[in-house]
Amino acid sequence: MIYTTEYASPLGVMTLSCDGEAVTGAWFNGQRYFGRVLPKETEKKETPLLRDAKRWLDVYFSGREPDFLPPLRYDQTPFRKAVCNIMLTIPYGKTMTYGEIAEIIAGQRGVEKMSAQAVGGAVGHNPISLMIPCHRVVGTSGSLTGYGGGIERKVRLLELEGVDMSAFFVPKKGTAL
């Protein structure tokens, strides 16, 4: 059974899900790909694991780096899972580009190149927002693009973490808007 609950974040209501053993989802309500991994049947229930996820979010939104991470399960394609694993290594208050992630994946797979656009697609399908920090992934040129929760939230999340925003810009058009 998948259990769900809501969390009232400063940036909007979020839906959290778990399977009793691990967090399986965290989305801002209405964001792109919202709840895509949820089965048709879920139960609204405040489980201990979902309380831990809320506690993690409380610490995060207080402007501090959480010193724990609830267990996560992101049953994705092997490529998407590899991208999520790399995003988990991006330190609080830091960013990584789609191209840098593509280089790491290429190295892991023993290939010369990997598409940054393919990485972008995988980042965009991240089912556990914030805990798997897809908001920390930026364009090579400093473009703040590709956040399913909306560009305004991406900016606010990076500012919350103390990221120096002087090198970044919001594109006039594209996937961030």
Protein backbone atom coordinates (compact mmCIF):
# COMPACT_ATOMS: atom_id res chain seq x y z
CA MET A 1 0.00 0.00 0.00
CA ILE A 2 1.13 3.53 -0.77
CA TYR A 3 0.37 6.11 1.90
CA THR A 4 0.09 9.84 1.25
CA THR A 5 -0.07 13.02 3.27
CA GLU A 6 0.20 16.72 2.60
CA TYR A 7 2.82 19.15 3.83
CA ALA A 8 2.23 22.92 3.96
CA SER A 9 5.58 24.31 2.79
CA PRO A 10 6.34 28.04 2.55
CA LEU A 11 6.34 27.57 -1.24
CA GLY A 12 3.02 25.75 -1.49
CA VAL A 13 1.35 22.53 -0.45
CA MET A 14 3.29 19.37 -1.16
CA THR A 15 2.08 15.78 -1.41
CA LEU A 16 4.34 13.14 0.13
CA SER A 17 4.07 9.40 -0.40
CA CYS A 18 5.67 6.29 1.05
CA ASP A 19 5.30 2.54 0.86
CA GLY A 20 5.84 1.96 4.57
CA GLU A 21 9.57 1.33 4.10
CA ALA A 22 10.73 4.37 2.11
CA VAL A 23 9.58 7.74 0.82
CA THR A 24 8.45 7.26 -2.78
CA GLY A 25 7.32 10.75 -3.71
CA ALA A 26 7.41 14.45 -2.84
CA TRP A 27 5.81 16.97 -5.16
CA PHE A 28 4.52 20.50 -5.04
CA ASN A 29 0.84 20.07 -5.77
CA GLY A 30 0.17 20.69 -9.43
CA GLN A 31 3.80 20.60 -10.56
CA ARG A 32 4.79 18.91 -13.80
CA TYR A 33 4.60 15.10 -13.50
CA PHE A 34 2.79 15.48 -10.15
CA GLY A 35 2.12 12.08 -8.63
CA ARG A 36 3.00 10.17 -11.79
CA VAL A 37 4.42 7.24 -9.81
CA LEU A 38 1.39 6.97 -7.52
CA PRO A 39 -0.85 3.95 -8.05
CA LYS A 40 -4.60 4.51 -8.43
CA GLU A 41 -5.19 3.21 -4.91
CA THR A 42 -3.50 5.09 -2.08
CA GLU A 43 -4.40 5.68 1.53
CA LYS A 44 -4.15 9.05 3.24
CA LYS A 45 -2.34 8.22 6.44
CA GLU A 46 0.28 9.96 8.58
CA THR A 47 2.84 7.16 8.95
CA PRO A 48 6.05 7.44 11.02
CA LEU A 49 8.03 7.57 7.78
CA LEU A 50 5.92 10.44 6.43
CA ARG A 51 6.37 12.24 9.77
CA ASP A 52 10.15 11.85 9.28
CA ALA A 53 9.81 13.30 5.77
CA LYS A 54 7.89 16.27 7.18
CA ARG A 55 10.54 16.75 9.86
CA TRP A 56 13.22 16.75 7.12
CA LEU A 57 11.22 19.40 5.23
CA ASP A 58 10.77 21.47 8.42
CA VAL A 59 14.54 21.56 8.90
CA TYR A 60 15.14 22.31 5.21
CA PHE A 61 12.62 25.16 5.05
CA SER A 62 14.07 26.66 8.24
CA GLY A 63 17.16 27.43 6.13
CA ARG A 64 19.34 24.69 7.57
CA GLU A 65 20.79 21.60 5.94
CA PRO A 66 19.03 18.52 7.33
CA ASP A 67 21.46 16.13 9.03
CA PHE A 68 19.42 13.05 8.10
CA LEU A 69 17.56 11.70 5.09
CA PRO A 70 14.62 9.34 5.36
CA PRO A 71 14.96 6.16 3.31
CA LEU A 72 14.08 6.85 -0.32
CA ARG A 73 12.80 4.52 -3.04
CA TYR A 74 12.76 5.80 -6.58
CA ASP A 75 11.87 2.90 -8.82
CA GLN A 76 12.83 4.43 -12.12
CA THR A 77 14.55 3.29 -15.29
CA PRO A 78 18.25 2.51 -14.71
CA PHE A 79 19.20 5.79 -16.43
CA ARG A 80 16.84 7.91 -14.34
CA LYS A 81 17.98 6.14 -11.19
CA ALA A 82 21.63 6.86 -12.07
CA VAL A 83 20.78 10.54 -12.53
CA CYS A 84 18.93 10.60 -9.17
CA ASN A 85 21.94 8.99 -7.50
CA ILE A 86 24.18 11.75 -8.85
CA MET A 87 21.76 14.47 -7.76
CA LEU A 88 21.96 13.05 -4.23
CA THR A 89 25.68 13.91 -4.23
CA ILE A 90 25.16 17.62 -4.95
CA PRO A 91 25.97 19.38 -1.66
CA TYR A 92 23.52 21.72 0.04
CA GLY A 93 24.09 25.26 -1.25
CA LYS A 94 25.90 24.09 -4.40
CA THR A 95 24.80 23.45 -7.98
CA MET A 96 25.75 21.09 -10.79
CA THR A 97 25.04 21.44 -14.50
CA TYR A 98 23.15 19.04 -16.73
CA GLY A 99 26.39 18.71 -18.69
CA GLU A 100 28.39 17.76 -15.62
CA ILE A 101 25.87 15.04 -14.79
CA ALA A 102 26.04 13.85 -18.41
CA GLU A 103 29.86 13.59 -18.14
CA ILE A 104 29.59 11.53 -14.95
CA ILE A 105 27.02 9.18 -16.52
CA ALA A 106 29.19 8.82 -19.63
CA GLY A 107 32.15 7.87 -17.44
CA GLN A 108 30.07 5.36 -15.49
CA ARG A 109 28.88 3.76 -18.72
CA GLY A 110 32.24 3.86 -20.45
CA VAL A 111 31.01 5.97 -23.34
CA GLU A 112 32.55 9.10 -24.79
CA LYS A 113 29.48 11.36 -24.49
CA MET A 114 26.05 11.46 -22.93
CA SER A 115 23.28 13.87 -23.87
CA ALA A 116 22.68 16.72 -21.44
CA GLN A 117 19.12 16.83 -22.82
CA ALA A 118 18.59 13.19 -21.82
CA VAL A 119 19.85 14.10 -18.35
CA GLY A 120 17.40 17.00 -18.31
CA GLY A 121 14.53 14.63 -19.03
CA ALA A 122 15.59 12.37 -16.18
CA VAL A 123 16.02 15.31 -13.79
CA GLY A 124 12.55 16.55 -14.71
CA HIS A 125 11.02 13.19 -13.78
CA ASN A 126 12.55 13.14 -10.29
CA PRO A 127 9.74 11.79 -8.09
CA ILE A 128 11.13 13.04 -4.75
CA SER A 129 11.55 16.81 -4.96
CA LEU A 130 13.94 18.53 -2.56
CA MET A 131 15.19 15.33 -0.92
CA ILE A 132 16.64 14.38 -4.30
CA PRO A 133 17.77 17.94 -5.07
CA CYS A 134 16.85 18.44 -8.72
CA HIS A 135 16.50 22.18 -8.01
CA ARG A 136 20.32 22.28 -7.72
CA VAL A 137 20.76 21.31 -11.39
CA VAL A 138 21.31 24.29 -13.69
CA GLY A 139 22.18 25.00 -17.30
CA THR A 140 25.84 25.28 -18.32
CA SER A 141 25.43 28.96 -19.18
CA GLY A 142 23.86 29.73 -15.80
CA SER A 143 20.32 29.32 -17.04
CA LEU A 144 17.84 28.38 -14.33
CA THR A 145 15.83 26.00 -16.41
CA GLY A 146 14.04 22.71 -16.11
CA TYR A 147 12.40 22.73 -12.68
CA GLY A 148 9.03 20.95 -12.66
CA GLY A 149 7.94 22.90 -9.59
CA GLY A 150 8.32 26.22 -11.43
CA ILE A 151 11.17 28.63 -11.92
CA GLU A 152 10.06 30.88 -9.04
CA ARG A 153 10.36 27.98 -6.61
CA LYS A 154 13.75 26.97 -8.01
CA VAL A 155 15.06 30.49 -7.41
CA ARG A 156 13.64 30.58 -3.87
CA LEU A 157 15.05 27.15 -3.02
CA LEU A 158 18.53 28.08 -4.21
CA GLU A 159 18.34 31.38 -2.31
CA LEU A 160 17.19 29.50 0.81
CA GLU A 161 20.34 27.37 0.56
CA GLY A 162 22.53 30.48 0.26
CA VAL A 163 23.57 29.90 -3.36
CA ASP A 164 25.27 32.94 -4.93
CA MET A 165 22.67 33.80 -7.58
CA SER A 166 24.80 36.38 -9.43
CA ALA A 167 25.91 33.84 -12.06
CA PHE A 168 22.38 32.65 -12.85
CA PHE A 169 19.54 33.99 -14.96
CA VAL A 170 15.95 33.12 -15.77
CA PRO A 171 15.56 32.34 -19.48
CA LYS A 172 13.04 34.39 -21.45
CA LYS A 173 11.51 31.18 -22.80
CA GLY A 174 11.97 27.48 -22.27
CA THR A 175 11.18 24.64 -19.91
CA ALA A 176 11.59 26.69 -16.75
CA LEU A 177 8.62 28.95 -17.38
